[in-house]
Amino acid sequence: MKLRQAYNLVHITAGGEYKAPLVASQLFDQAEFQAVIKEGFAPAKVEAWIIGPMREYFDGDVKNNINHLKARCPHKLQFPINIIFRFDHYMDKFK
């Protein structure tokens, strides 16, 4: 019987929270620690997803901020996920 199952851990931040220094220390640094320490019941893989509006995809300041987070926490994957948030506005037209 296998007592330990492998699992992946995903940290998610949305709405520009990743720009706050507190989130960098509490979310990203914690994810980095979990990605590096492989003792006990540690996850097999750690990721941090940054969900934001599509307009941030082209913003140079946002890219610099994400690059800073990647340099600060190099042992985990960070995904900027940019989506269009006005979808609900268009759905209201079909009601």
Foldseek 3Di string as FASTA:
>chain_A
DDPADAAEEEAEDEDPPLVDPVCLVPPLVVQLVLLPDDDDRGHPAYEYEYEYAPVLVPDPVSVVSVVVSCVVRVRHYYHYHHDHPCPVVVVVVVD
